């Protein structure tokens, strides 16, 4: 907010929880009958 260049070293967990990526709908959640579970993909 002060226009400084900073970046968080984000893990996979951080990326999936990132409010910016969520706001922009960057991920899709898919379910495959073979694997059974719903997986989030970019």
ModelCIF file with pLDDT and N, C-alpha, C, O atoms, coordinates in Angstrom:
data_MODEL
#
_entry.id   MODEL 
#
_entity.id                         1 
_entity.type                       polymer 
_entity.pdbx_number_of_molecules   1 
#
_entity_poly.entity_id                      1 
_entity_poly.type                           'polypeptide(L)' 
_entity_poly.nstd_linkage                   no 
_entity_poly.nstd_monomer                   no 
_entity_poly.pdbx_seq_one_letter_code       
;(UNK)(UNK)(UNK)(UNK)(UNK)(UNK)(UNK)(UNK)(UNK)(UNK)(UNK)(UNK)(UNK)(UNK)(UNK)(UNK)
(UNK)(UNK)(UNK)(UNK)(UNK)(UNK)(UNK)(UNK)(UNK)(UNK)(UNK)(UNK)(UNK)(UNK)(UNK)(UNK)
(UNK)(UNK)(UNK)(UNK)(UNK)(UNK)(UNK)(UNK)(UNK)(UNK)
;
_entity_poly.pdbx_seq_one_letter_code_can   XXXXXXXXXXXXXXXXXXXXXXXXXXXXXXXXXXXXXXXXXX 
_entity_poly.pdbx_strand_id                 A 
#
loop_
_entity_poly_seq.entity_id 
_entity_poly_seq.num 
_entity_poly_seq.mon_id 
_entity_poly_seq.hetero 
1 1  UNK n 
1 2  UNK n 
1 3  UNK n 
1 4  UNK n 
1 5  UNK n 
1 6  UNK n 
1 7  UNK n 
1 8  UNK n 
1 9  UNK n 
1 10 UNK n 
1 11 UNK n 
1 12 UNK n 
1 13 UNK n 
1 14 UNK n 
1 15 UNK n 
1 16 UNK n 
1 17 UNK n 
1 18 UNK n 
1 19 UNK n 
1 20 UNK n 
1 21 UNK n 
1 22 UNK n 
1 23 UNK n 
1 24 UNK n 
1 25 UNK n 
1 26 UNK n 
1 27 UNK n 
1 28 UNK n 
1 29 UNK n 
1 30 UNK n 
1 31 UNK n 
1 32 UNK n 
1 33 UNK n 
1 34 UNK n 
1 35 UNK n 
1 36 UNK n 
1 37 UNK n 
1 38 UNK n 
1 39 UNK n 
1 40 UNK n 
1 41 UNK n 
1 42 UNK n 
#
_struct_asym.id          A 
_struct_asym.entity_id   1 
#
loop_
_ma_qa_metric.id 
_ma_qa_metric.mode 
_ma_qa_metric.name 
_ma_qa_metric.software_group_id 
_ma_qa_metric.type 
1 global pLDDT . pLDDT 
2 local  pLDDT . pLDDT 
#
_ma_qa_metric_global.metric_id      1 
_ma_qa_metric_global.metric_value   93.07 
_ma_qa_metric_global.model_id       1 
_ma_qa_metric_global.ordinal_id     1 
#
loop_
_ma_qa_metric_local.label_asym_id 
_ma_qa_metric_local.label_comp_id 
_ma_qa_metric_local.label_seq_id 
_ma_qa_metric_local.metric_id 
_ma_qa_metric_local.metric_value 
_ma_qa_metric_local.model_id 
_ma_qa_metric_local.ordinal_id 
A UNK 1  2 94.00 1 1  
A UNK 2  2 94.00 1 2  
A UNK 3  2 93.00 1 3  
A UNK 4  2 93.00 1 4  
A UNK 5  2 92.00 1 5  
A UNK 6  2 94.00 1 6  
A UNK 7  2 95.00 1 7  
A UNK 8  2 96.00 1 8  
A UNK 9  2 95.00 1 9  
A UNK 10 2 94.00 1 10 
A UNK 11 2 91.00 1 11 
A UNK 12 2 91.00 1 12 
A UNK 13 2 92.00 1 13 
A UNK 14 2 93.00 1 14 
A UNK 15 2 93.00 1 15 
A UNK 16 2 92.00 1 16 
A UNK 17 2 93.00 1 17 
A UNK 18 2 94.00 1 18 
A UNK 19 2 96.00 1 19 
A UNK 20 2 96.00 1 20 
A UNK 21 2 95.00 1 21 
A UNK 22 2 95.00 1 22 
A UNK 23 2 96.00 1 23 
A UNK 24 2 95.00 1 24 
A UNK 25 2 94.00 1 25 
A UNK 26 2 94.00 1 26 
A UNK 27 2 94.00 1 27 
A UNK 28 2 94.00 1 28 
A UNK 29 2 93.00 1 29 
A UNK 30 2 93.00 1 30 
A UNK 31 2 93.00 1 31 
A UNK 32 2 94.00 1 32 
A UNK 33 2 94.00 1 33 
A UNK 34 2 93.00 1 34 
A UNK 35 2 92.00 1 35 
A UNK 36 2 88.00 1 36 
A UNK 37 2 81.00 1 37 
A UNK 38 2 89.00 1 38 
A UNK 39 2 91.00 1 39 
A UNK 40 2 93.00 1 40 
A UNK 41 2 94.00 1 41 
A UNK 42 2 93.00 1 42 
#
loop_
_atom_site.group_PDB 
_atom_site.id 
_atom_site.type_symbol 
_atom_site.label_atom_id 
_atom_site.label_alt_id 
_atom_site.label_comp_id 
_atom_site.label_asym_id 
_atom_site.label_entity_id 
_atom_site.label_seq_id 
_atom_site.pdbx_PDB_ins_code 
_atom_site.Cartn_x 
_atom_site.Cartn_y 
_atom_site.Cartn_z 
_atom_site.occupancy 
_atom_site.B_iso_or_equiv 
_atom_site.pdbx_formal_charge 
_atom_site.auth_seq_id 
_atom_site.auth_comp_id 
_atom_site.auth_asym_id 
_atom_site.auth_atom_id 
_atom_site.pdbx_PDB_model_num 
ATOM 1   N N  . UNK A 1 1  ? 0.826   -1.212  0.000   1.00 94.00 ? 1  UNK A N  1 
ATOM 2   C CA . UNK A 1 1  ? 0.000   0.000   0.000   1.00 94.00 ? 1  UNK A CA 1 
ATOM 3   C C  . UNK A 1 1  ? 0.860   1.261   0.000   1.00 94.00 ? 1  UNK A C  1 
ATOM 4   O O  . UNK A 1 1  ? 0.385   2.348   -0.332  1.00 94.00 ? 1  UNK A O  1 
ATOM 5   N N  . UNK A 1 2  ? 2.120   1.106   0.374   1.00 94.00 ? 2  UNK A N  1 
ATOM 6   C CA . UNK A 1 2  ? 3.050   2.236   0.363   1.00 94.00 ? 2  UNK A CA 1 
ATOM 7   C C  . UNK A 1 2  ? 3.925   2.214   -0.893  1.00 94.00 ? 2  UNK A C  1 
ATOM 8   O O  . UNK A 1 2  ? 4.890   2.971   -1.004  1.00 94.00 ? 2  UNK A O  1 
ATOM 9   N N  . UNK A 1 3  ? 3.572   1.332   -1.841  1.00 93.00 ? 3  UNK A N  1 
ATOM 10  C CA . UNK A 1 3  ? 4.271   1.184   -3.135  1.00 93.00 ? 3  UNK A CA 1 
ATOM 11  C C  . UNK A 1 3  ? 5.680   0.637   -2.980  1.00 93.00 ? 3  UNK A C  1 
ATOM 12  O O  . UNK A 1 3  ? 6.547   0.910   -3.809  1.00 93.00 ? 3  UNK A O  1 
ATOM 13  N N  . UNK A 1 4  ? 5.911   -0.127  -1.933  1.00 93.00 ? 4  UNK A N  1 
ATOM 14  C CA . UNK A 1 4  ? 7.177   -0.825  -1.763  1.00 93.00 ? 4  UNK A CA 1 
ATOM 15  C C  . UNK A 1 4  ? 7.112   -2.173  -2.486  1.00 93.00 ? 4  UNK A C  1 
ATOM 16  O O  . UNK A 1 4  ? 6.050   -2.790  -2.578  1.00 93.00 ? 4  UNK A O  1 
ATOM 17  N N  . UNK A 1 5  ? 8.249   -2.612  -2.989  1.00 92.00 ? 5  UNK A N  1 
ATOM 18  C CA . UNK A 1 5  ? 8.308   -3.897  -3.676  1.00 92.00 ? 5  UNK A CA 1 
ATOM 19  C C  . UNK A 1 5  ? 8.572   -5.004  -2.667  1.00 92.00 ? 5  UNK A C  1 
ATOM 20  O O  . UNK A 1 5  ? 9.696   -5.174  -2.193  1.00 92.00 ? 5  UNK A O  1 
ATOM 21  N N  . UNK A 1 6  ? 7.524   -5.755  -2.344  1.00 94.00 ? 6  UNK A N  1 
ATOM 22  C CA . UNK A 1 6  ? 7.618   -6.871  -1.411  1.00 94.00 ? 6  UNK A CA 1 
ATOM 23  C C  . UNK A 1 6  ? 6.864   -8.053  -2.002  1.00 94.00 ? 6  UNK A C  1 
ATOM 24  O O  . UNK A 1 6  ? 5.935   -7.878  -2.791  1.00 94.00 ? 6  UNK A O  1 
ATOM 25  N N  . UNK A 1 7  ? 7.261   -9.233  -1.621  1.00 95.00 ? 7  UNK A N  1 
ATOM 26  C CA . UNK A 1 7  ? 6.543   -10.422 -2.058  1.00 95.00 ? 7  UNK A CA 1 
ATOM 27  C C  . UNK A 1 7  ? 6.609   -11.510 -1.010  1.00 95.00 ? 7  UNK A C  1 
ATOM 28  O O  . UNK A 1 7  ? 7.669   -11.787 -0.449  1.00 95.00 ? 7  UNK A O  1 
ATOM 29  N N  . UNK A 1 8  ? 5.460   -12.130 -0.748  1.00 96.00 ? 8  UNK A N  1 
ATOM 30  C CA . UNK A 1 8  ? 5.427   -13.273 0.162   1.00 96.00 ? 8  UNK A CA 1 
ATOM 31  C C  . UNK A 1 8  ? 5.851   -14.513 -0.609  1.00 96.00 ? 8  UNK A C  1 
ATOM 32  O O  . UNK A 1 8  ? 5.386   -14.742 -1.726  1.00 96.00 ? 8  UNK A O  1 
ATOM 33  N N  . UNK A 1 9  ? 6.719   -15.303 -0.026  1.00 95.00 ? 9  UNK A N  1 
ATOM 34  C CA . UNK A 1 9  ? 7.084   -16.582 -0.647  1.00 95.00 ? 9  UNK A CA 1 
ATOM 35  C C  . UNK A 1 9  ? 5.943   -17.555 -0.346  1.00 95.00 ? 9  UNK A C  1 
ATOM 36  O O  . UNK A 1 9  ? 5.888   -18.166 0.721   1.00 95.00 ? 9  UNK A O  1 
ATOM 37  N N  . UNK A 1 10 ? 5.047   -17.680 -1.308  1.00 94.00 ? 10 UNK A N  1 
ATOM 38  C CA . UNK A 1 10 ? 3.811   -18.425 -1.062  1.00 94.00 ? 10 UNK A CA 1 
ATOM 39  C C  . UNK A 1 10 ? 3.980   -19.919 -1.350  1.00 94.00 ? 10 UNK A C  1 
ATOM 40  O O  . UNK A 1 10 ? 4.544   -20.312 -2.371  1.00 94.00 ? 10 UNK A O  1 
ATOM 41  N N  . UNK A 1 11 ? 3.484   -20.728 -0.439  1.00 91.00 ? 11 UNK A N  1 
ATOM 42  C CA . UNK A 1 11 ? 3.448   -22.175 -0.631  1.00 91.00 ? 11 UNK A CA 1 
ATOM 43  C C  . UNK A 1 11 ? 2.189   -22.533 -1.417  1.00 91.00 ? 11 UNK A C  1 
ATOM 44  O O  . UNK A 1 11 ? 1.371   -21.666 -1.723  1.00 91.00 ? 11 UNK A O  1 
ATOM 45  N N  . UNK A 1 12 ? 2.041   -23.817 -1.740  1.00 91.00 ? 12 UNK A N  1 
ATOM 46  C CA . UNK A 1 12 ? 0.826   -24.265 -2.419  1.00 91.00 ? 12 UNK A CA 1 
ATOM 47  C C  . UNK A 1 12 ? -0.401  -23.964 -1.571  1.00 91.00 ? 12 UNK A C  1 
ATOM 48  O O  . UNK A 1 12 ? -1.441  -23.558 -2.089  1.00 91.00 ? 12 UNK A O  1 
ATOM 49  N N  . UNK A 1 13 ? -0.270  -24.167 -0.263  1.00 92.00 ? 13 UNK A N  1 
ATOM 50  C CA . UNK A 1 13 ? -1.383  -23.877 0.643   1.00 92.00 ? 13 UNK A CA 1 
ATOM 51  C C  . UNK A 1 13 ? -1.744  -22.391 0.601   1.00 92.00 ? 13 UNK A C  1 
ATOM 52  O O  . UNK A 1 13 ? -2.919  -22.023 0.606   1.00 92.00 ? 13 UNK A O  1 
ATOM 53  N N  . UNK A 1 14 ? -0.712  -21.546 0.560   1.00 93.00 ? 14 UNK A N  1 
ATOM 54  C CA . UNK A 1 14 ? -0.944  -20.099 0.499   1.00 93.00 ? 14 UNK A CA 1 
ATOM 55  C C  . UNK A 1 14 ? -1.646  -19.711 -0.797  1.00 93.00 ? 14 UNK A C  1 
ATOM 56  O O  . UNK A 1 14 ? -2.564  -18.891 -0.792  1.00 93.00 ? 14 UNK A O  1 
ATOM 57  N N  . UNK A 1 15 ? -1.212  -20.299 -1.900  1.00 93.00 ? 15 UNK A N  1 
ATOM 58  C CA . UNK A 1 15 ? -1.803  -19.959 -3.187  1.00 93.00 ? 15 UNK A CA 1 
ATOM 59  C C  . UNK A 1 15 ? -3.282  -20.346 -3.241  1.00 93.00 ? 15 UNK A C  1 
ATOM 60  O O  . UNK A 1 15 ? -4.113  -19.584 -3.736  1.00 93.00 ? 15 UNK A O  1 
ATOM 61  N N  . UNK A 1 16 ? -3.600  -21.526 -2.732  1.00 92.00 ? 16 UNK A N  1 
ATOM 62  C CA . UNK A 1 16 ? -4.992  -21.973 -2.765  1.00 92.00 ? 16 UNK A CA 1 
ATOM 63  C C  . UNK A 1 16 ? -5.885  -21.119 -1.870  1.00 92.00 ? 16 UNK A C  1 
ATOM 64  O O  . UNK A 1 16 ? -7.092  -21.019 -2.090  1.00 92.00 ? 16 UNK A O  1 
ATOM 65  N N  . UNK A 1 17 ? -5.268  -20.501 -0.851  1.00 93.00 ? 17 UNK A N  1 
ATOM 66  C CA . UNK A 1 17 ? -6.036  -19.657 0.062   1.00 93.00 ? 17 UNK A CA 1 
ATOM 67  C C  . UNK A 1 17 ? -5.924  -18.176 -0.284  1.00 93.00 ? 17 UNK A C  1 
ATOM 68  O O  . UNK A 1 17 ? -6.509  -17.337 0.401   1.00 93.00 ? 17 UNK A O  1 
ATOM 69  N N  . UNK A 1 18 ? -5.178  -17.844 -1.338  1.00 94.00 ? 18 UNK A N  1 
ATOM 70  C CA . UNK A 1 18 ? -4.930  -16.446 -1.679  1.00 94.00 ? 18 UNK A CA 1 
ATOM 71  C C  . UNK A 1 18 ? -6.219  -15.734 -2.056  1.00 94.00 ? 18 UNK A C  1 
ATOM 72  O O  . UNK A 1 18 ? -6.911  -16.142 -2.989  1.00 94.00 ? 18 UNK A O  1 
ATOM 73  N N  . UNK A 1 19 ? -6.540  -14.671 -1.331  1.00 96.00 ? 19 UNK A N  1 
ATOM 74  C CA . UNK A 1 19 ? -7.794  -13.964 -1.584  1.00 96.00 ? 19 UNK A CA 1 
ATOM 75  C C  . UNK A 1 19 ? -7.807  -13.291 -2.955  1.00 96.00 ? 19 UNK A C  1 
ATOM 76  O O  . UNK A 1 19 ? -8.869  -13.133 -3.557  1.00 96.00 ? 19 UNK A O  1 
ATOM 77  N N  . UNK A 1 20 ? -6.634  -12.894 -3.450  1.00 96.00 ? 20 UNK A N  1 
ATOM 78  C CA . UNK A 1 20 ? -6.566  -12.264 -4.765  1.00 96.00 ? 20 UNK A CA 1 
ATOM 79  C C  . UNK A 1 20 ? -6.904  -13.275 -5.867  1.00 96.00 ? 20 UNK A C  1 
ATOM 80  O O  . UNK A 1 20 ? -7.695  -12.982 -6.765  1.00 96.00 ? 20 UNK A O  1 
ATOM 81  N N  . UNK A 1 21 ? -6.303  -14.460 -5.792  1.00 95.00 ? 21 UNK A N  1 
ATOM 82  C CA . UNK A 1 21 ? -6.587  -15.489 -6.787  1.00 95.00 ? 21 UNK A CA 1 
ATOM 83  C C  . UNK A 1 21 ? -8.027  -15.972 -6.693  1.00 95.00 ? 21 UNK A C  1 
ATOM 84  O O  . UNK A 1 21 ? -8.645  -16.279 -7.712  1.00 95.00 ? 21 UNK A O  1 
ATOM 85  N N  . UNK A 1 22 ? -8.564  -16.040 -5.488  1.00 95.00 ? 22 UNK A N  1 
ATOM 86  C CA . UNK A 1 22 ? -9.954  -16.427 -5.325  1.00 95.00 ? 22 UNK A CA 1 
ATOM 87  C C  . UNK A 1 22 ? -10.886 -15.391 -5.942  1.00 95.00 ? 22 UNK A C  1 
ATOM 88  O O  . UNK A 1 22 ? -11.854 -15.741 -6.618  1.00 95.00 ? 22 UNK A O  1 
ATOM 89  N N  . UNK A 1 23 ? -10.592 -14.127 -5.708  1.00 96.00 ? 23 UNK A N  1 
ATOM 90  C CA . UNK A 1 23 ? -11.409 -13.041 -6.250  1.00 96.00 ? 23 UNK A CA 1 
ATOM 91  C C  . UNK A 1 23 ? -11.438 -13.085 -7.779  1.00 96.00 ? 23 UNK A C  1 
ATOM 92  O O  . UNK A 1 23 ? -12.445 -12.747 -8.401  1.00 96.00 ? 23 UNK A O  1 
ATOM 93  N N  . UNK A 1 24 ? -10.322 -13.507 -8.373  1.00 95.00 ? 24 UNK A N  1 
ATOM 94  C CA . UNK A 1 24 ? -10.220 -13.561 -9.831  1.00 95.00 ? 24 UNK A CA 1 
ATOM 95  C C  . UNK A 1 24 ? -10.593 -14.924 -10.399 1.00 95.00 ? 24 UNK A C  1 
ATOM 96  O O  . UNK A 1 24 ? -10.448 -15.162 -11.598 1.00 95.00 ? 24 UNK A O  1 
ATOM 97  N N  . UNK A 1 25 ? -11.072 -15.816 -9.538  1.00 94.00 ? 25 UNK A N  1 
ATOM 98  C CA . UNK A 1 25 ? -11.528 -17.152 -9.970  1.00 94.00 ? 25 UNK A CA 1 
ATOM 99  C C  . UNK A 1 25 ? -10.431 -17.882 -10.763 1.00 94.00 ? 25 UNK A C  1 
ATOM 100 O O  . UNK A 1 25 ? -10.682 -18.422 -11.841 1.00 94.00 ? 25 UNK A O  1 
ATOM 101 N N  . UNK A 1 26 ? -9.230  -17.883 -10.213 1.00 94.00 ? 26 UNK A N  1 
ATOM 102 C CA . UNK A 1 26 ? -8.084  -18.477 -10.902 1.00 94.00 ? 26 UNK A CA 1 
ATOM 103 C C  . UNK A 1 26 ? -8.090  -19.999 -10.873 1.00 94.00 ? 26 UNK A C  1 
ATOM 104 O O  . UNK A 1 26 ? -7.394  -20.640 -11.660 1.00 94.00 ? 26 UNK A O  1 
ATOM 105 N N  . UNK A 1 27 ? -8.881  -20.586 -9.958  1.00 94.00 ? 27 UNK A N  1 
ATOM 106 C CA . UNK A 1 27 ? -8.886  -22.042 -9.824  1.00 94.00 ? 27 UNK A CA 1 
ATOM 107 C C  . UNK A 1 27 ? -10.244 -22.612 -10.213 1.00 94.00 ? 27 UNK A C  1 
ATOM 108 O O  . UNK A 1 27 ? -11.280 -21.961 -10.075 1.00 94.00 ? 27 UNK A O  1 
ATOM 109 N N  . UNK A 1 28 ? -10.205 -23.829 -10.696 1.00 94.00 ? 28 UNK A N  1 
ATOM 110 C CA . UNK A 1 28 ? -11.434 -24.566 -10.969 1.00 94.00 ? 28 UNK A CA 1 
ATOM 111 C C  . UNK A 1 28 ? -11.388 -25.860 -10.170 1.00 94.00 ? 28 UNK A C  1 
ATOM 112 O O  . UNK A 1 28 ? -10.322 -26.457 -10.018 1.00 94.00 ? 28 UNK A O  1 
ATOM 113 N N  . UNK A 1 29 ? -12.511 -26.289 -9.669  1.00 93.00 ? 29 UNK A N  1 
ATOM 114 C CA . UNK A 1 29 ? -12.586 -27.527 -8.891  1.00 93.00 ? 29 UNK A CA 1 
ATOM 115 C C  . UNK A 1 29 ? -13.259 -28.594 -9.742  1.00 93.00 ? 29 UNK A C  1 
ATOM 116 O O  . UNK A 1 29 ? -14.383 -28.415 -10.211 1.00 93.00 ? 29 UNK A O  1 
ATOM 117 N N  . UNK A 1 30 ? -12.556 -29.705 -9.932  1.00 93.00 ? 30 UNK A N  1 
ATOM 118 C CA . UNK A 1 30 ? -13.051 -30.773 -10.800 1.00 93.00 ? 30 UNK A CA 1 
ATOM 119 C C  . UNK A 1 30 ? -13.065 -32.101 -10.067 1.00 93.00 ? 30 UNK A C  1 
ATOM 120 O O  . UNK A 1 30 ? -12.229 -32.369 -9.205  1.00 93.00 ? 30 UNK A O  1 
ATOM 121 N N  . UNK A 1 31 ? -14.027 -32.916 -10.427 1.00 93.00 ? 31 UNK A N  1 
ATOM 122 C CA . UNK A 1 31 ? -14.086 -34.268 -9.889  1.00 93.00 ? 31 UNK A CA 1 
ATOM 123 C C  . UNK A 1 31 ? -14.000 -35.254 -11.033 1.00 93.00 ? 31 UNK A C  1 
ATOM 124 O O  . UNK A 1 31 ? -14.679 -35.101 -12.048 1.00 93.00 ? 31 UNK A O  1 
ATOM 125 N N  . UNK A 1 32 ? -13.168 -36.263 -10.871 1.00 94.00 ? 32 UNK A N  1 
ATOM 126 C CA . UNK A 1 32 ? -13.009 -37.301 -11.901 1.00 94.00 ? 32 UNK A CA 1 
ATOM 127 C C  . UNK A 1 32 ? -13.521 -38.611 -11.334 1.00 94.00 ? 32 UNK A C  1 
ATOM 128 O O  . UNK A 1 32 ? -13.181 -38.953 -10.202 1.00 94.00 ? 32 UNK A O  1 
ATOM 129 N N  . UNK A 1 33 ? -14.325 -39.357 -12.077 1.00 94.00 ? 33 UNK A N  1 
ATOM 130 C CA . UNK A 1 33 ? -14.882 -40.598 -11.533 1.00 94.00 ? 33 UNK A CA 1 
ATOM 131 C C  . UNK A 1 33 ? -13.831 -41.634 -11.159 1.00 94.00 ? 33 UNK A C  1 
ATOM 132 O O  . UNK A 1 33 ? -14.087 -42.495 -10.318 1.00 94.00 ? 33 UNK A O  1 
ATOM 133 N N  . UNK A 1 34 ? -12.645 -41.564 -11.774 1.00 93.00 ? 34 UNK A N  1 
ATOM 134 C CA . UNK A 1 34 ? -11.604 -42.549 -11.472 1.00 93.00 ? 34 UNK A CA 1 
ATOM 135 C C  . UNK A 1 34 ? -10.887 -42.247 -10.165 1.00 93.00 ? 34 UNK A C  1 
ATOM 136 O O  . UNK A 1 34 ? -10.575 -43.157 -9.397  1.00 93.00 ? 34 UNK A O  1 
ATOM 137 N N  . UNK A 1 35 ? -10.624 -40.961 -9.911  1.00 92.00 ? 35 UNK A N  1 
ATOM 138 C CA . UNK A 1 35 ? -9.922  -40.594 -8.683  1.00 92.00 ? 35 UNK A CA 1 
ATOM 139 C C  . UNK A 1 35 ? -10.881 -40.249 -7.550  1.00 92.00 ? 35 UNK A C  1 
ATOM 140 O O  . UNK A 1 35 ? -10.497 -40.276 -6.381  1.00 92.00 ? 35 UNK A O  1 
ATOM 141 N N  . UNK A 1 36 ? -12.123 -39.927 -7.890  1.00 88.00 ? 36 UNK A N  1 
ATOM 142 C CA . UNK A 1 36 ? -13.163 -39.792 -6.864  1.00 88.00 ? 36 UNK A CA 1 
ATOM 143 C C  . UNK A 1 36 ? -13.208 -38.471 -6.140  1.00 88.00 ? 36 UNK A C  1 
ATOM 144 O O  . UNK A 1 36 ? -14.300 -37.975 -5.863  1.00 88.00 ? 36 UNK A O  1 
ATOM 145 N N  . UNK A 1 37 ? -12.086 -37.883 -5.824  1.00 81.00 ? 37 UNK A N  1 
ATOM 146 C CA . UNK A 1 37 ? -12.084 -36.659 -5.026  1.00 81.00 ? 37 UNK A CA 1 
ATOM 147 C C  . UNK A 1 37 ? -12.135 -35.421 -5.917  1.00 81.00 ? 37 UNK A C  1 
ATOM 148 O O  . UNK A 1 37 ? -11.765 -35.466 -7.090  1.00 81.00 ? 37 UNK A O  1 
ATOM 149 N N  . UNK A 1 38 ? -12.598 -34.320 -5.338  1.00 89.00 ? 38 UNK A N  1 
ATOM 150 C CA . UNK A 1 38 ? -12.614 -33.045 -6.048  1.00 89.00 ? 38 UNK A CA 1 
ATOM 151 C C  . UNK A 1 38 ? -11.263 -32.364 -5.856  1.00 89.00 ? 38 UNK A C  1 
ATOM 152 O O  . UNK A 1 38 ? -10.793 -32.211 -4.729  1.00 89.00 ? 38 UNK A O  1 
ATOM 153 N N  . UNK A 1 39 ? -10.641 -31.955 -6.964  1.00 91.00 ? 39 UNK A N  1 
ATOM 154 C CA . UNK A 1 39 ? -9.313  -31.363 -6.946  1.00 91.00 ? 39 UNK A CA 1 
ATOM 155 C C  . UNK A 1 39 ? -9.391  -29.953 -7.512  1.00 91.00 ? 39 UNK A C  1 
ATOM 156 O O  . UNK A 1 39 ? -10.092 -29.702 -8.493  1.00 91.00 ? 39 UNK A O  1 
ATOM 157 N N  . UNK A 1 40 ? -8.659  -29.029 -6.878  1.00 93.00 ? 40 UNK A N  1 
ATOM 158 C CA . UNK A 1 40 ? -8.590  -27.670 -7.393  1.00 93.00 ? 40 UNK A CA 1 
ATOM 159 C C  . UNK A 1 40 ? -7.361  -27.530 -8.286  1.00 93.00 ? 40 UNK A C  1 
ATOM 160 O O  . UNK A 1 40 ? -6.249  -27.891 -7.901  1.00 93.00 ? 40 UNK A O  1 
ATOM 161 N N  . UNK A 1 41 ? -7.587  -26.997 -9.486  1.00 94.00 ? 41 UNK A N  1 
ATOM 162 C CA . UNK A 1 41 ? -6.516  -26.788 -10.452 1.00 94.00 ? 41 UNK A CA 1 
ATOM 163 C C  . UNK A 1 41 ? -6.474  -25.316 -10.856 1.00 94.00 ? 41 UNK A C  1 
ATOM 164 O O  . UNK A 1 41 ? -7.518  -24.665 -10.901 1.00 94.00 ? 41 UNK A O  1 
ATOM 165 N N  . UNK A 1 42 ? -5.285  -24.776 -11.152 1.00 93.00 ? 42 UNK A N  1 
ATOM 166 C CA . UNK A 1 42 ? -5.229  -23.456 -11.791 1.00 93.00 ? 42 UNK A CA 1 
ATOM 167 C C  . UNK A 1 42 ? -5.786  -23.581 -13.199 1.00 93.00 ? 42 UNK A C  1 
ATOM 168 O O  . UNK A 1 42 ? -5.840  -22.593 -13.932 1.00 93.00 ? 42 UNK A O  1 
#
